[in-house]
Amino acid sequence: MLKYTEEHEWLNIENGVATVGITAYAVEQLGDLVFVELPEVGASFAKGGDAATVESVKAASEVYCPLDGEITEINEAITADPSLVNSDPQGAGWFFKLKLKNISDVDALLDEAAYKELTA
């Protein structure tokens, strides 16, 4: 199940775990990424908490935790090569996996149509 936040994160949810990254729209706004800092595995975040940081040639920006949960995995490949986020933001450029504290919170997120409307 694919969902989006108004802060331009995407979530692909399977079995109570969300793979999280930033959308192609966010990447377009940021420009070429030169640095990514990811959270620690095992860290817990509340919805809206600063989970990761990205820096581009244009600006630095926070990546917010989309829902309450615990980080179960991070994508080390994007810290070594931030351009993966630019080339494949919703594939190889994912940021972290989040074990959701409450799966019903997903219902409050945007579906693809609502996200497209937000970014139009």
PDB file of N, CA and C in Angstrom:
ATOM      1  N   MET A   1       0.848  -1.169   0.000  1.00  0.00           N
ATOM      2  CA  MET A   1       0.000   0.000   0.000  1.00  0.00           C
ATOM      3  C   MET A   1       0.896   1.234   0.000  1.00  0.00           C
ATOM      4  N   LEU A   2       0.716   2.101  -0.980  1.00  0.00           N
ATOM      5  CA  LEU A   2       1.530   3.300  -1.127  1.00  0.00           C
ATOM      6  C   LEU A   2       0.764   4.514  -0.602  1.00  0.00           C
ATOM      7  N   LYS A   3       1.412   5.262   0.302  1.00  0.00           N
ATOM      8  CA  LYS A   3       0.809   6.470   0.887  1.00  0.00           C
ATOM      9  C   LYS A   3       1.825   7.600   0.846  1.00  0.00           C
ATOM     10  N   TYR A   4       1.349   8.819   1.048  1.00  0.00           N
ATOM     11  CA  TYR A   4       2.190  10.016   0.987  1.00  0.00           C
ATOM     12  C   TYR A   4       1.858  10.949   2.143  1.00  0.00           C
ATOM     13  N   THR A   5       2.840  11.814   2.475  1.00  0.00           N
ATOM     14  CA  THR A   5       2.604  12.857   3.473  1.00  0.00           C
ATOM     15  C   THR A   5       2.603  14.212   2.778  1.00  0.00           C
ATOM     16  N   GLU A   6       2.066  15.212   3.455  1.00  0.00           N
ATOM     17  CA  GLU A   6       2.093  16.576   2.921  1.00  0.00           C
ATOM     18  C   GLU A   6       3.509  17.148   2.937  1.00  0.00           C
ATOM     19  N   GLU A   7       4.423  16.493   3.655  1.00  0.00           N
ATOM     20  CA  GLU A   7       5.822  16.932   3.723  1.00  0.00           C
ATOM     21  C   GLU A   7       6.668  16.226   2.656  1.00  0.00           C
ATOM     22  N   HIS A   8       6.019  15.508   1.744  1.00  0.00           N
ATOM     23  CA  HIS A   8       6.652  14.891   0.579  1.00  0.00           C
ATOM     24  C   HIS A   8       7.465  13.635   0.879  1.00  0.00           C
ATOM     25  N   GLU A   9       7.027  12.883   1.884  1.00  0.00           N
ATOM     26  CA  GLU A   9       7.576  11.540   2.081  1.00  0.00           C
ATOM     27  C   GLU A   9       6.586  10.537   1.486  1.00  0.00           C
ATOM     28  N   TRP A  10       7.115   9.428   1.013  1.00  0.00           N
ATOM     29  CA  TRP A  10       6.270   8.321   0.563  1.00  0.00           C
ATOM     30  C   TRP A  10       6.492   7.145   1.497  1.00  0.00           C
ATOM     31  N   LEU A  11       5.477   6.309   1.606  1.00  0.00           N
ATOM     32  CA  LEU A  11       5.553   5.103   2.430  1.00  0.00           C
ATOM     33  C   LEU A  11       4.978   3.946   1.640  1.00  0.00           C
ATOM     34  N   ASN A  12       5.705   2.866   1.579  1.00  0.00           N
ATOM     35  CA  ASN A  12       5.186   1.628   1.011  1.00  0.00           C
ATOM     36  C   ASN A  12       5.016   0.672   2.185  1.00  0.00           C
ATOM     37  N   ILE A  13       3.769   0.365   2.533  1.00  0.00           N
ATOM     38  CA  ILE A  13       3.474  -0.369   3.764  1.00  0.00           C
ATOM     39  C   ILE A  13       3.163  -1.833   3.469  1.00  0.00           C
ATOM     40  N   GLU A  14       3.911  -2.713   4.138  1.00  0.00           N
ATOM     41  CA  GLU A  14       3.687  -4.155   4.033  1.00  0.00           C
ATOM     42  C   GLU A  14       3.826  -4.762   5.423  1.00  0.00           C
ATOM     43  N   ASN A  15       2.812  -5.468   5.874  1.00  0.00           N
ATOM     44  CA  ASN A  15       2.842  -6.194   7.153  1.00  0.00           C
ATOM     45  C   ASN A  15       3.257  -5.313   8.337  1.00  0.00           C
ATOM     46  N   GLY A  16       2.729  -4.094   8.391  1.00  0.00           N
ATOM     47  CA  GLY A  16       2.993  -3.215   9.523  1.00  0.00           C
ATOM     48  C   GLY A  16       4.347  -2.522   9.500  1.00  0.00           C
ATOM     49  N   VAL A  17       5.101  -2.693   8.399  1.00  0.00           N
ATOM     50  CA  VAL A  17       6.393  -2.023   8.250  1.00  0.00           C
ATOM     51  C   VAL A  17       6.328  -1.124   7.015  1.00  0.00           C
ATOM     52  N   ALA A  18       6.735   0.136   7.195  1.00  0.00           N
ATOM     53  CA  ALA A  18       6.724   1.096   6.096  1.00  0.00           C
ATOM     54  C   ALA A  18       8.147   1.334   5.610  1.00  0.00           C
ATOM     55  N   THR A  19       8.360   1.176   4.313  1.00  0.00           N
ATOM     56  CA  THR A  19       9.595   1.636   3.682  1.00  0.00           C
ATOM     57  C   THR A  19       9.339   3.097   3.360  1.00  0.00           C
ATOM     58  N   VAL A  20      10.247   3.985   3.782  1.00  0.00           N
ATOM     59  CA  VAL A  20      10.027   5.429   3.698  1.00  0.00           C
ATOM     60  C   VAL A  20      11.121   6.095   2.860  1.00  0.00           C
ATOM     61  N   GLY A  21      10.710   7.042   2.053  1.00  0.00           N
ATOM     62  CA  GLY A  21      11.651   7.841   1.272  1.00  0.00           C
ATOM     63  C   GLY A  21      11.032   9.183   0.956  1.00  0.00           C
ATOM     64  N   ILE A  22      11.721   9.964   0.130  1.00  0.00           N
ATOM     65  CA  ILE A  22      11.152  11.243  -0.300  1.00  0.00           C
ATOM     66  C   ILE A  22      10.682  11.108  -1.745  1.00  0.00           C
ATOM     67  N   THR A  23       9.673  11.882  -2.087  1.00  0.00           N
ATOM     68  CA  THR A  23       9.050  11.764  -3.405  1.00  0.00           C
ATOM     69  C   THR A  23       9.896  12.401  -4.502  1.00  0.00           C
ATOM     70  N   ALA A  24       9.574  12.050  -5.728  1.00  0.00           N
ATOM     71  CA  ALA A  24      10.236  12.652  -6.890  1.00  0.00           C
ATOM     72  C   ALA A  24      10.034  14.170  -6.876  1.00  0.00           C
ATOM     73  N   TYR A  25       8.856  14.617  -6.435  1.00  0.00           N
ATOM     74  CA  TYR A  25       8.596  16.061  -6.330  1.00  0.00           C
ATOM     75  C   TYR A  25       9.584  16.716  -5.366  1.00  0.00           C
ATOM     76  N   ALA A  26       9.820  16.097  -4.211  1.00  0.00           N
ATOM     77  CA  ALA A  26      10.763  16.647  -3.225  1.00  0.00           C
ATOM     78  C   ALA A  26      12.169  16.696  -3.804  1.00  0.00           C
ATOM     79  N   VAL A  27      12.563  15.637  -4.502  1.00  0.00           N
ATOM     80  CA  VAL A  27      13.891  15.587  -5.107  1.00  0.00           C
ATOM     81  C   VAL A  27      14.044  16.711  -6.132  1.00  0.00           C
ATOM     82  N   GLU A  28      12.987  16.927  -6.919  1.00  0.00           N
ATOM     83  CA  GLU A  28      13.002  17.990  -7.923  1.00  0.00           C
ATOM     84  C   GLU A  28      13.193  19.357  -7.260  1.00  0.00           C
ATOM     85  N   GLN A  29      12.530  19.581  -6.128  1.00  0.00           N
ATOM     86  CA  GLN A  29      12.639  20.849  -5.413  1.00  0.00           C
ATOM     87  C   GLN A  29      14.027  21.039  -4.802  1.00  0.00           C
ATOM     88  N   LEU A  30      14.616  19.945  -4.316  1.00  0.00           N
ATOM     89  CA  LEU A  30      15.922  20.022  -3.647  1.00  0.00           C
ATOM     90  C   LEU A  30      17.088  20.142  -4.613  1.00  0.00           C
ATOM     91  N   GLY A  31      16.996  19.489  -5.751  1.00  0.00           N
ATOM     92  CA  GLY A  31      18.131  19.434  -6.671  1.00  0.00           C
ATOM     93  C   GLY A  31      19.033  18.261  -6.321  1.00  0.00           C
ATOM     94  N   ASP A  32      20.234  18.253  -6.857  1.00  0.00           N
ATOM     95  CA  ASP A  32      21.155  17.128  -6.671  1.00  0.00           C
ATOM     96  C   ASP A  32      21.580  16.988  -5.220  1.00  0.00           C
ATOM     97  N   LEU A  33      21.309  15.825  -4.635  1.00  0.00           N
ATOM     98  CA  LEU A  33      21.698  15.565  -3.244  1.00  0.00           C
ATOM     99  C   LEU A  33      23.186  15.262  -3.163  1.00  0.00           C
ATOM    100  N   VAL A  34      23.821  15.828  -2.124  1.00  0.00           N
ATOM    101  CA  VAL A  34      25.256  15.609  -1.923  1.00  0.00           C
ATOM    102  C   VAL A  34      25.547  14.927  -0.588  1.00  0.00           C
ATOM    103  N   PHE A  35      24.527  14.849   0.290  1.00  0.00           N
ATOM    104  CA  PHE A  35      24.730  14.261   1.612  1.00  0.00           C
ATOM    105  C   PHE A  35      23.403  13.764   2.154  1.00  0.00           C
ATOM    106  N   VAL A  36      23.435  12.578   2.773  1.00  0.00           N
ATOM    107  CA  VAL A  36      22.253  12.040   3.451  1.00  0.00           C
ATOM    108  C   VAL A  36      22.699  11.514   4.812  1.00  0.00           C
ATOM    109  N   GLU A  37      21.985  11.913   5.858  1.00  0.00           N
ATOM    110  CA  GLU A  37      22.216  11.379   7.204  1.00  0.00           C
ATOM    111  C   GLU A  37      20.968  10.630   7.627  1.00  0.00           C
ATOM    112  N   LEU A  38      21.138   9.360   7.984  1.00  0.00           N
ATOM    113  CA  LEU A  38      20.009   8.505   8.330  1.00  0.00           C
ATOM    114  C   LEU A  38      19.946   8.275   9.841  1.00  0.00           C
ATOM    115  N   PRO A  39      18.781   7.874  10.333  1.00  0.00           N
ATOM    116  CA  PRO A  39      18.644   7.575  11.771  1.00  0.00           C
ATOM    117  C   PRO A  39      19.328   6.263  12.130  1.00  0.00           C
ATOM    118  N   GLU A  40      19.477   6.022  13.416  1.00  0.00           N
ATOM    119  CA  GLU A  40      20.044   4.769  13.910  1.00  0.00           C
ATOM    120  C   GLU A  40      18.971   3.670  13.892  1.00  0.00           C
ATOM    121  N   VAL A  41      19.366   2.462  13.548  1.00  0.00           N
ATOM    122  CA  VAL A  41      18.452   1.322  13.665  1.00  0.00           C
ATOM    123  C   VAL A  41      18.120   1.166  15.147  1.00  0.00           C
ATOM    124  N   GLY A  42      16.845   0.966  15.452  1.00  0.00           N
ATOM    125  CA  GLY A  42      16.399   0.838  16.835  1.00  0.00           C
ATOM    126  C   GLY A  42      15.863   2.133  17.421  1.00  0.00           C
ATOM    127  N   ALA A  43      16.120   3.255  16.737  1.00  0.00           N
ATOM    128  CA  ALA A  43      15.613   4.547  17.221  1.00  0.00           C
ATOM    129  C   ALA A  43      14.101   4.600  17.046  1.00  0.00           C
ATOM    130  N   SER A  44      13.430   5.209  18.016  1.00  0.00           N
ATOM    131  CA  SER A  44      11.978   5.404  17.925  1.00  0.00           C
ATOM    132  C   SER A  44      11.690   6.872  17.657  1.00  0.00           C
ATOM    133  N   PHE A  45      10.680   7.113  16.836  1.00  0.00           N
ATOM    134  CA  PHE A  45      10.296   8.474  16.492  1.00  0.00           C
ATOM    135  C   PHE A  45       8.791   8.639  16.618  1.00  0.00           C
ATOM    136  N   ALA A  46       8.393   9.839  16.979  1.00  0.00           N
ATOM    137  CA  ALA A  46       6.986  10.221  16.926  1.00  0.00           C
ATOM    138  C   ALA A  46       6.720  10.823  15.552  1.00  0.00           C
ATOM    139  N   LYS A  47       5.483  10.787  15.134  1.00  0.00           N
ATOM    140  CA  LYS A  47       5.097  11.393  13.864  1.00  0.00           C
ATOM    141  C   LYS A  47       5.587  12.830  13.828  1.00  0.00           C
ATOM    142  N   GLY A  48       6.249  13.196  12.741  1.00  0.00           N
ATOM    143  CA  GLY A  48       6.735  14.563  12.570  1.00  0.00           C
ATOM    144  C   GLY A  48       8.129  14.804  13.105  1.00  0.00           C
ATOM    145  N   GLY A  49       8.715  13.797  13.777  1.00  0.00           N
ATOM    146  CA  GLY A  49      10.071  13.946  14.292  1.00  0.00           C
ATOM    147  C   GLY A  49      11.095  13.983  13.168  1.00  0.00           C
ATOM    148  N   ASP A  50      12.212  14.672  13.394  1.00  0.00           N
ATOM    149  CA  ASP A  50      13.289  14.749  12.402  1.00  0.00           C
ATOM    150  C   ASP A  50      14.022  13.411  12.354  1.00  0.00           C
ATOM    151  N   ALA A  51      13.764  12.621  11.328  1.00  0.00           N
ATOM    152  CA  ALA A  51      14.333  11.276  11.257  1.00  0.00           C
ATOM    153  C   ALA A  51      15.619  11.228  10.438  1.00  0.00           C
ATOM    154  N   ALA A  52      15.728  12.081   9.426  1.00  0.00           N
ATOM    155  CA  ALA A  52      16.902  12.068   8.553  1.00  0.00           C
ATOM    156  C   ALA A  52      17.147  13.487   8.049  1.00  0.00           C
ATOM    157  N   THR A  53      18.334  13.686   7.493  1.00  0.00           N
ATOM    158  CA  THR A  53      18.692  14.983   6.926  1.00  0.00           C
ATOM    159  C   THR A  53      19.240  14.761   5.528  1.00  0.00           C
ATOM    160  N   VAL A  54      18.853  15.638   4.616  1.00  0.00           N
ATOM    161  CA  VAL A  54      19.420  15.617   3.271  1.00  0.00           C
ATOM    162  C   VAL A  54      19.995  16.999   2.978  1.00  0.00           C
ATOM    163  N   GLU A  55      21.105  17.005   2.256  1.00  0.00           N
ATOM    164  CA  GLU A  55      21.683  18.267   1.798  1.00  0.00           C
ATOM    165  C   GLU A  55      21.851  18.166   0.295  1.00  0.00           C
ATOM    166  N   SER A  56      21.487  19.252  -0.362  1.00  0.00           N
ATOM    167  CA  SER A  56      21.628  19.307  -1.813  1.00  0.00           C
ATOM    168  C   SER A  56      22.489  20.520  -2.157  1.00  0.00           C
ATOM    169  N   VAL A  57      22.708  20.711  -3.437  1.00  0.00           N
ATOM    170  CA  VAL A  57      23.452  21.887  -3.868  1.00  0.00           C
ATOM    171  C   VAL A  57      22.662  23.162  -3.562  1.00  0.00           C
ATOM    172  N   LYS A  58      21.342  23.038  -3.375  1.00  0.00           N
ATOM    173  CA  LYS A  58      20.483  24.195  -3.099  1.00  0.00           C
ATOM    174  C   LYS A  58      20.257  24.445  -1.611  1.00  0.00           C
ATOM    175  N   ALA A  59      20.046  23.378  -0.825  1.00  0.00           N
ATOM    176  CA  ALA A  59      19.607  23.570   0.567  1.00  0.00           C
ATOM    177  C   ALA A  59      19.764  22.292   1.373  1.00  0.00           C
ATOM    178  N   ALA A  60      19.637  22.456   2.681  1.00  0.00           N
ATOM    179  CA  ALA A  60      19.552  21.304   3.588  1.00  0.00           C
ATOM    180  C   ALA A  60      18.103  21.190   4.035  1.00  0.00           C
ATOM    181  N   SER A  61      17.653  19.968   4.264  1.00  0.00           N
ATOM    182  CA  SER A  61      16.261  19.758   4.642  1.00  0.00           C
ATOM    183  C   SER A  61      16.145  18.532   5.535  1.00  0.00           C
ATOM    184  N   GLU A  62      15.141  18.555   6.394  1.00  0.00           N
ATOM    185  CA  GLU A  62      14.855  17.403   7.249  1.00  0.00           C
ATOM    186  C   GLU A  62      13.906  16.458   6.521  1.00  0.00           C
ATOM    187  N   VAL A  63      14.046  15.183   6.814  1.00  0.00           N
ATOM    188  CA  VAL A  63      13.077  14.175   6.387  1.00  0.00           C
ATOM    189  C   VAL A  63      12.363  13.768   7.666  1.00  0.00           C
ATOM    190  N   TYR A  64      11.063  13.967   7.682  1.00  0.00           N
ATOM    191  CA  TYR A  64      10.286  13.747   8.897  1.00  0.00           C
ATOM    192  C   TYR A  64       9.794  12.304   8.970  1.00  0.00           C
ATOM    193  N   CYS A  65       9.667  11.822  10.183  1.00  0.00           N
ATOM    194  CA  CYS A  65       9.091  10.506  10.383  1.00  0.00           C
ATOM    195  C   CYS A  65       7.586  10.627  10.117  1.00  0.00           C
ATOM    196  N   PRO A  66       7.060   9.872   9.172  1.00  0.00           N
ATOM    197  CA  PRO A  66       5.659  10.053   8.776  1.00  0.00           C
ATOM    198  C   PRO A  66       4.642   9.563   9.801  1.00  0.00           C
ATOM    199  N   LEU A  67       5.023   8.599  10.635  1.00  0.00           N
ATOM    200  CA  LEU A  67       4.124   8.045  11.654  1.00  0.00           C
ATOM    201  C   LEU A  67       4.964   7.597  12.844  1.00  0.00           C
ATOM    202  N   ASP A  68       4.330   7.343  13.973  1.00  0.00           N
ATOM    203  CA  ASP A  68       5.041   6.818  15.144  1.00  0.00           C
ATOM    204  C   ASP A  68       5.588   5.427  14.830  1.00  0.00           C
ATOM    205  N   GLY A  69       6.838   5.182  15.233  1.00  0.00           N
ATOM    206  CA  GLY A  69       7.378   3.852  15.021  1.00  0.00           C
ATOM    207  C   GLY A  69       8.849   3.743  15.356  1.00  0.00           C
ATOM    208  N   GLU A  70       9.398   2.567  15.052  1.00  0.00           N
ATOM    209  CA  GLU A  70      10.797   2.254  15.340  1.00  0.00           C
ATOM    210  C   GLU A  70      11.526   1.909  14.045  1.00  0.00           C
ATOM    211  N   ILE A  71      12.721   2.463  13.882  1.00  0.00           N
ATOM    212  CA  ILE A  71      13.539   2.195  12.705  1.00  0.00           C
ATOM    213  C   ILE A  71      14.066   0.761  12.787  1.00  0.00           C
ATOM    214  N   THR A  72      13.789  -0.038  11.750  1.00  0.00           N
ATOM    215  CA  THR A  72      14.249  -1.427  11.738  1.00  0.00           C
ATOM    216  C   THR A  72      15.381  -1.653  10.739  1.00  0.00           C
ATOM    217  N   GLU A  73      15.521  -0.741   9.781  1.00  0.00           N
ATOM    218  CA  GLU A  73      16.560  -0.893   8.759  1.00  0.00           C
ATOM    219  C   GLU A  73      16.807   0.464   8.117  1.00  0.00           C
ATOM    220  N   ILE A  74      18.053   0.701   7.690  1.00  0.00           N
ATOM    221  CA  ILE A  74      18.369   1.928   6.951  1.00  0.00           C
ATOM    222  C   ILE A  74      19.033   1.541   5.635  1.00  0.00           C
ATOM    223  N   ASN A  75      18.978   2.445   4.682  1.00  0.00           N
ATOM    224  CA  ASN A  75      19.551   2.209   3.362  1.00  0.00           C
ATOM    225  C   ASN A  75      20.948   2.835   3.302  1.00  0.00           C
ATOM    226  N   GLU A  76      21.954   2.048   3.701  1.00  0.00           N
ATOM    227  CA  GLU A  76      23.350   2.528   3.724  1.00  0.00           C
ATOM    228  C   GLU A  76      23.815   2.985   2.340  1.00  0.00           C
ATOM    229  N   ALA A  77      23.247   2.418   1.285  1.00  0.00           N
ATOM    230  CA  ALA A  77      23.677   2.751  -0.080  1.00  0.00           C
ATOM    231  C   ALA A  77      23.527   4.236  -0.375  1.00  0.00           C
ATOM    232  N   ILE A  78      22.492   4.884   0.185  1.00  0.00           N
ATOM    233  CA  ILE A  78      22.295   6.306  -0.134  1.00  0.00           C
ATOM    234  C   ILE A  78      23.222   7.216   0.663  1.00  0.00           C
ATOM    235  N   THR A  79      23.793   6.735   1.761  1.00  0.00           N
ATOM    236  CA  THR A  79      24.786   7.555   2.465  1.00  0.00           C
ATOM    237  C   THR A  79      26.096   7.531   1.686  1.00  0.00           C
ATOM    238  N   ALA A  80      26.401   6.395   1.070  1.00  0.00           N
ATOM    239  CA  ALA A  80      27.603   6.277   0.243  1.00  0.00           C
ATOM    240  C   ALA A  80      27.427   6.990  -1.100  1.00  0.00           C
ATOM    241  N   ASP A  81      26.204   6.967  -1.639  1.00  0.00           N
ATOM    242  CA  ASP A  81      25.926   7.549  -2.950  1.00  0.00           C
ATOM    243  C   ASP A  81      24.554   8.243  -2.937  1.00  0.00           C
ATOM    244  N   PRO A  82      24.514   9.501  -2.436  1.00  0.00           N
ATOM    245  CA  PRO A  82      23.233  10.216  -2.355  1.00  0.00           C
ATOM    246  C   PRO A  82      22.529  10.382  -3.700  1.00  0.00           C
ATOM    247  N   SER A  83      23.263  10.290  -4.807  1.00  0.00           N
ATOM    248  CA  SER A  83      22.630  10.460  -6.121  1.00  0.00           C
ATOM    249  C   SER A  83      21.608   9.361  -6.416  1.00  0.00           C
ATOM    250  N   LEU A  84      21.656   8.238  -5.669  1.00  0.00           N
ATOM    251  CA  LEU A  84      20.633   7.197  -5.823  1.00  0.00           C
ATOM    252  C   LEU A  84      19.235   7.754  -5.535  1.00  0.00           C
ATOM    253  N   VAL A  85      19.166   8.691  -4.605  1.00  0.00           N
ATOM    254  CA  VAL A  85      17.871   9.304  -4.278  1.00  0.00           C
ATOM    255  C   VAL A  85      17.379  10.115  -5.471  1.00  0.00           C
ATOM    256  N   ASN A  86      18.295  10.832  -6.136  1.00  0.00           N
ATOM    257  CA  ASN A  86      17.909  11.617  -7.305  1.00  0.00           C
ATOM    258  C   ASN A  86      17.471  10.731  -8.463  1.00  0.00           C
ATOM    259  N   SER A  87      18.207   9.635  -8.696  1.00  0.00           N
ATOM    260  CA  SER A  87      17.933   8.807  -9.870  1.00  0.00           C
ATOM    261  C   SER A  87      16.753   7.857  -9.673  1.00  0.00           C
ATOM    262  N   ASP A  88      16.482   7.455  -8.425  1.00  0.00           N
ATOM    263  CA  ASP A  88      15.410   6.479  -8.182  1.00  0.00           C
ATOM    264  C   ASP A  88      14.788   6.723  -6.806  1.00  0.00           C
ATOM    265  N   PRO A  89      14.107   7.880  -6.626  1.00  0.00           N
ATOM    266  CA  PRO A  89      13.628   8.252  -5.291  1.00  0.00           C
ATOM    267  C   PRO A  89      12.633   7.276  -4.672  1.00  0.00           C
ATOM    268  N   GLN A  90      11.833   6.607  -5.479  1.00  0.00           N
ATOM    269  CA  GLN A  90      10.837   5.692  -4.922  1.00  0.00           C
ATOM    270  C   GLN A  90      11.215   4.233  -5.171  1.00  0.00           C
ATOM    271  N   GLY A  91      12.518   4.007  -5.366  1.00  0.00           N
ATOM    272  CA  GLY A  91      13.031   2.651  -5.552  1.00  0.00           C
ATOM    273  C   GLY A  91      14.292   2.495  -4.722  1.00  0.00           C
ATOM    274  N   ALA A  92      15.444   2.443  -5.395  1.00  0.00           N
ATOM    275  CA  ALA A  92      16.733   2.248  -4.727  1.00  0.00           C
ATOM    276  C   ALA A  92      17.084   3.382  -3.766  1.00  0.00           C
ATOM    277  N   GLY A  93      16.403   4.528  -3.895  1.00  0.00           N
ATOM    278  CA  GLY A  93      16.690   5.683  -3.049  1.00  0.00           C
ATOM    279  C   GLY A  93      15.868   5.767  -1.775  1.00  0.00           C
ATOM    280  N   TRP A  94      15.303   4.649  -1.315  1.00  0.00           N
ATOM    281  CA  TRP A  94      14.541   4.662  -0.045  1.00  0.00           C
ATOM    282  C   TRP A  94      15.476   5.007   1.114  1.00  0.00           C
ATOM    283  N   PHE A  95      14.904   5.506   2.211  1.00  0.00           N
ATOM    284  CA  PHE A  95      15.695   5.972   3.355  1.00  0.00           C
ATOM    285  C   PHE A  95      15.752   4.966   4.499  1.00  0.00           C
ATOM    286  N   PHE A  96      14.577   4.572   5.003  1.00  0.00           N
ATOM    287  CA  PHE A  96      14.558   3.665   6.154  1.00  0.00           C
ATOM    288  C   PHE A  96      13.272   2.867   6.187  1.00  0.00           C
ATOM    289  N   LYS A  97      13.303   1.810   7.006  1.00  0.00           N
ATOM    290  CA  LYS A  97      12.101   1.006   7.247  1.00  0.00           C
ATOM    291  C   LYS A  97      11.659   1.283   8.681  1.00  0.00           C
ATOM    292  N   LEU A  98      10.354   1.451   8.828  1.00  0.00           N
ATOM    293  CA  LEU A  98       9.760   1.875  10.090  1.00  0.00           C
ATOM    294  C   LEU A  98       8.688   0.872  10.507  1.00  0.00           C
ATOM    295  N   LYS A  99       8.901   0.240  11.664  1.00  0.00           N
ATOM    296  CA  LYS A  99       7.864  -0.640  12.211  1.00  0.00           C
ATOM    297  C   LYS A  99       6.826   0.270  12.850  1.00  0.00           C
ATOM    298  N   LEU A 100       5.627   0.268  12.295  1.00  0.00           N
ATOM    299  CA  LEU A 100       4.588   1.196  12.729  1.00  0.00           C
ATOM    300  C   LEU A 100       4.044   0.830  14.108  1.00  0.00           C
ATOM    301  N   LYS A 101       3.902   1.848  14.944  1.00  0.00           N
ATOM    302  CA  LYS A 101       3.350   1.646  16.278  1.00  0.00           C
ATOM    303  C   LYS A 101       1.861   1.334  16.189  1.00  0.00           C
ATOM    304  N   ASN A 102       1.168   2.026  15.278  1.00  0.00           N
ATOM    305  CA  ASN A 102      -0.276   1.840  15.138  1.00  0.00           C
ATOM    306  C   ASN A 102      -0.638   1.874  13.653  1.00  0.00           C
ATOM    307  N   ILE A 103      -0.886   0.727  13.067  1.00  0.00           N
ATOM    308  CA  ILE A 103      -1.152   0.626  11.630  1.00  0.00           C
ATOM    309  C   ILE A 103      -2.354   1.459  11.195  1.00  0.00           C
ATOM    310  N   SER A 104      -3.317   1.694  12.072  1.00  0.00           N
ATOM    311  CA  SER A 104      -4.501   2.475  11.675  1.00  0.00           C
ATOM    312  C   SER A 104      -4.156   3.948  11.405  1.00  0.00           C
ATOM    313  N   ASP A 105      -2.996   4.420  11.872  1.00  0.00           N
ATOM    314  CA  ASP A 105      -2.567   5.795  11.588  1.00  0.00           C
ATOM    315  C   ASP A 105      -2.366   6.034  10.093  1.00  0.00           C
ATOM    316  N   VAL A 106      -2.139   4.958   9.344  1.00  0.00           N
ATOM    317  CA  VAL A 106      -1.922   5.047   7.904  1.00  0.00           C
ATOM    318  C   VAL A 106      -3.126   5.690   7.215  1.00  0.00           C
ATOM    319  N   ASP A 107      -4.307   5.474   7.768  1.00  0.00           N
ATOM    320  CA  ASP A 107      -5.537   5.991   7.162  1.00  0.00           C
ATOM    321  C   ASP A 107      -5.541   7.511   7.022  1.00  0.00           C
ATOM    322  N   ALA A 108      -4.768   8.212   7.842  1.00  0.00           N
ATOM    323  CA  ALA A 108      -4.740   9.673   7.804  1.00  0.00           C
ATOM    324  C   ALA A 108      -3.808  10.215   6.713  1.00  0.00           C
ATOM    325  N   LEU A 109      -3.034   9.350   6.065  1.00  0.00           N
ATOM    326  CA  LEU A 109      -2.091   9.790   5.039  1.00  0.00           C
ATOM    327  C   LEU A 109      -2.781   9.946   3.687  1.00  0.00           C
ATOM    328  N   LEU A 110      -2.092  10.576   2.757  1.00  0.00           N
ATOM    329  CA  LEU A 110      -2.636  10.831   1.424  1.00  0.00           C
ATOM    330  C   LEU A 110      -2.466   9.619   0.512  1.00  0.00           C
ATOM    331  N   ASP A 111      -3.448   9.396  -0.357  1.00  0.00           N
ATOM    332  CA  ASP A 111      -3.262   8.402  -1.417  1.00  0.00           C
ATOM    333  C   ASP A 111      -2.621   9.121  -2.608  1.00  0.00           C
ATOM    334  N   GLU A 112      -2.325   8.376  -3.656  1.00  0.00           N
ATOM    335  CA  GLU A 112      -1.603   8.954  -4.790  1.00  0.00           C
ATOM    336  C   GLU A 112      -2.375  10.108  -5.440  1.00  0.00           C
ATOM    337  N   ALA A 113      -3.674   9.964  -5.601  1.00  0.00           N
ATOM    338  CA  ALA A 113      -4.479  11.019  -6.231  1.00  0.00           C
ATOM    339  C   ALA A 113      -4.439  12.298  -5.397  1.00  0.00           C
ATOM    340  N   ALA A 114      -4.580  12.169  -4.076  1.00  0.00           N
ATOM    341  CA  ALA A 114      -4.543  13.346  -3.205  1.00  0.00           C
ATOM    342  C   ALA A 114      -3.165  14.007  -3.201  1.00  0.00           C
ATOM    343  N   TYR A 115      -2.107  13.188  -3.283  1.00  0.00           N
ATOM    344  CA  TYR A 115      -0.751  13.752  -3.324  1.00  0.00           C
ATOM    345  C   TYR A 115      -0.512  14.496  -4.642  1.00  0.00           C
ATOM    346  N   LYS A 116      -0.975  13.921  -5.751  1.00  0.00           N
ATOM    347  CA  LYS A 116      -0.822  14.587  -7.047  1.00  0.00           C
ATOM    348  C   LYS A 116      -1.548  15.933  -7.050  1.00  0.00           C
ATOM    349  N   GLU A 117      -2.714  15.972  -6.408  1.00  0.00           N
ATOM    350  CA  GLU A 117      -3.472  17.220  -6.298  1.00  0.00           C
ATOM    351  C   GLU A 117      -2.696  18.239  -5.476  1.00  0.00           C
ATOM    352  N   LEU A 118      -2.074  17.793  -4.389  1.00  0.00           N
ATOM    353  CA  LEU A 118      -1.276  18.669  -3.516  1.00  0.00           C
ATOM    354  C   LEU A 118      -0.112  19.302  -4.277  1.00  0.00           C
ATOM    355  N   THR A 119       0.514  18.544  -5.161  1.00  0.00           N
ATOM    356  CA  THR A 119       1.727  19.024  -5.838  1.00  0.00           C
ATOM    357  C   THR A 119       1.445  19.637  -7.223  1.00  0.00           C
ATOM    358  N   ALA A 120       0.183  19.677  -7.613  1.00  0.00           N
ATOM    359  CA  ALA A 120      -0.172  20.223  -8.940  1.00  0.00           C
ATOM    360  C   ALA A 120       0.039  21.729  -8.996  1.00  0.00           C
TER     361      ALA A 120
END
